[in-house]
C-alpha atoms as a PDB file:
ATOM      1  CA  MET A   1      15.539  -5.916  16.889  1.00  0.00           C
ATOM      2  CA  MET A   2      14.907  -2.213  15.985  1.00  0.00           C
ATOM      3  CA  VAL A   3      15.479  -0.755  12.476  1.00  0.00           C
ATOM      4  CA  ASN A   4      15.328   2.960  12.420  1.00  0.00           C
ATOM      5  CA  TYR A   5      13.263   2.954  15.556  1.00  0.00           C
ATOM      6  CA  SER A   6      10.845   0.433  14.074  1.00  0.00           C
ATOM      7  CA  PRO A   7      10.583  -3.207  15.455  1.00  0.00           C
ATOM      8  CA  GLN A   8      11.520  -6.098  13.232  1.00  0.00           C
ATOM      9  CA  VAL A   9       8.827  -8.789  13.955  1.00  0.00           C
ATOM     10  CA  ILE A  10       8.345 -12.409  13.111  1.00  0.00           C
ATOM     11  CA  LEU A  11       4.809 -13.107  11.628  1.00  0.00           C
ATOM     12  CA  GLN A  12       3.203 -16.415  11.541  1.00  0.00           C
ATOM     13  CA  LEU A  13       0.851 -16.421   8.530  1.00  0.00           C
ATOM     14  CA  GLU A  14      -1.817 -18.573   7.059  1.00  0.00           C
ATOM     15  CA  VAL A  15      -1.439 -18.049   3.312  1.00  0.00           C
ATOM     16  CA  TYR A  16      -4.261 -18.398   0.809  1.00  0.00           C
ATOM     17  CA  PRO A  17      -2.723 -18.648  -2.587  1.00  0.00           C
ATOM     18  CA  PRO A  18      -5.039 -18.066  -5.476  1.00  0.00           C
ATOM     19  CA  ASP A  19      -4.320 -21.415  -7.127  1.00  0.00           C
ATOM     20  CA  GLY A  20      -3.682 -23.722  -4.154  1.00  0.00           C
ATOM     21  CA  GLU A  21      -4.389 -24.911  -0.621  1.00  0.00           C
ATOM     22  CA  PRO A  22      -3.862 -22.570   2.263  1.00  0.00           C
ATOM     23  CA  TYR A  23      -0.612 -23.219   4.183  1.00  0.00           C
ATOM     24  CA  GLN A  24       1.323 -21.777   7.147  1.00  0.00           C
ATOM     25  CA  ALA A  25       4.473 -19.482   6.552  1.00  0.00           C
ATOM     26  CA  THR A  26       6.696 -17.482   8.613  1.00  0.00           C
ATOM     27  CA  THR A  27       8.354 -14.129   7.592  1.00  0.00           C
ATOM     28  CA  LYS A  28      10.184 -11.190   9.247  1.00  0.00           C
ATOM     29  CA  ALA A  29       9.183  -7.738   8.646  1.00  0.00           C
ATOM     30  CA  VAL A  30      10.009  -4.233   9.850  1.00  0.00           C
ATOM     31  CA  ILE A  31       6.877  -2.623  11.022  1.00  0.00           C
ATOM     32  CA  PRO A  32       6.733   1.142  11.705  1.00  0.00           C
ATOM     33  CA  ILE A  33       5.626   1.418  15.449  1.00  0.00           C
ATOM     34  CA  VAL A  34       2.482   3.405  14.416  1.00  0.00           C
ATOM     35  CA  ASN A  35       1.353   0.554  12.263  1.00  0.00           C
ATOM     36  CA  ILE A  36       1.766  -2.245  14.830  1.00  0.00           C
ATOM     37  CA  PRO A  37      -2.084  -2.174  15.679  1.00  0.00           C
ATOM     38  CA  GLN A  38      -2.797  -3.199  12.144  1.00  0.00           C
ATOM     39  CA  PHE A  39      -0.786  -6.418  12.618  1.00  0.00           C
ATOM     40  CA  GLN A  40      -2.776  -8.210  15.170  1.00  0.00           C
ATOM     41  CA  PRO A  41      -3.887 -11.951  15.223  1.00  0.00           C
ATOM     42  CA  GLY A  42      -6.608 -12.517  12.605  1.00  0.00           C
ATOM     43  CA  THR A  43      -5.821  -9.518  10.556  1.00  0.00           C
ATOM     44  CA  GLU A  44      -5.699 -10.077   6.738  1.00  0.00           C
ATOM     45  CA  VAL A  45      -2.631  -8.750   4.925  1.00  0.00           C
ATOM     46  CA  SER A  46      -1.430  -8.940   1.372  1.00  0.00           C
ATOM     47  CA  VAL A  47       1.737 -10.971   0.754  1.00  0.00           C
ATOM     48  CA  LYS A  48       4.037 -11.733  -2.191  1.00  0.00           C
ATOM     49  CA  ILE A  49       4.848 -15.459  -2.670  1.00  0.00           C
ATOM     50  CA  HIS A  50       8.198 -16.575  -4.106  1.00  0.00           C
ATOM     51  CA  PRO A  51       7.456 -18.126  -7.519  1.00  0.00           C
ATOM     52  CA  THR A  52       9.527 -21.190  -7.132  1.00  0.00           C
ATOM     53  CA  ASN A  53       9.555 -21.584  -3.303  1.00  0.00           C
ATOM     54  CA  PRO A  54       6.119 -20.858  -1.867  1.00  0.00           C
ATOM     55  CA  SER A  55       7.456 -21.182   1.654  1.00  0.00           C
ATOM     56  CA  ILE A  56       9.191 -17.742   1.197  1.00  0.00           C
ATOM     57  CA  VAL A  57       6.654 -14.967   1.641  1.00  0.00           C
ATOM     58  CA  GLU A  58       6.954 -11.242   2.399  1.00  0.00           C
ATOM     59  CA  LEU A  59       4.480  -8.574   3.112  1.00  0.00           C
ATOM     60  CA  ASP A  60       3.112  -6.711   0.182  1.00  0.00           C
ATOM     61  CA  TYR A  61       2.988  -3.171   1.663  1.00  0.00           C
ATOM     62  CA  PHE A  62       1.562  -1.670  -1.463  1.00  0.00           C
ATOM     63  CA  GLY A  63      -0.912  -4.407  -2.333  1.00  0.00           C
ATOM     64  CA  GLY A  64       0.390  -4.874  -5.726  1.00  0.00           C
END
């Protein structure tokens, strides 16, 4: 699916929370086409983890 000419992708992530064991999570994100090379297998990205349901994660585009 495209959103404003940017693809919506499904990302399979290995999440390393600061206070727990690593786990697998899946999320959808709209990635500007020029940024696709930054989202290749093995690349580290920042994510936000839902406080009560850690299986819900989203990209933290601003690293905050």
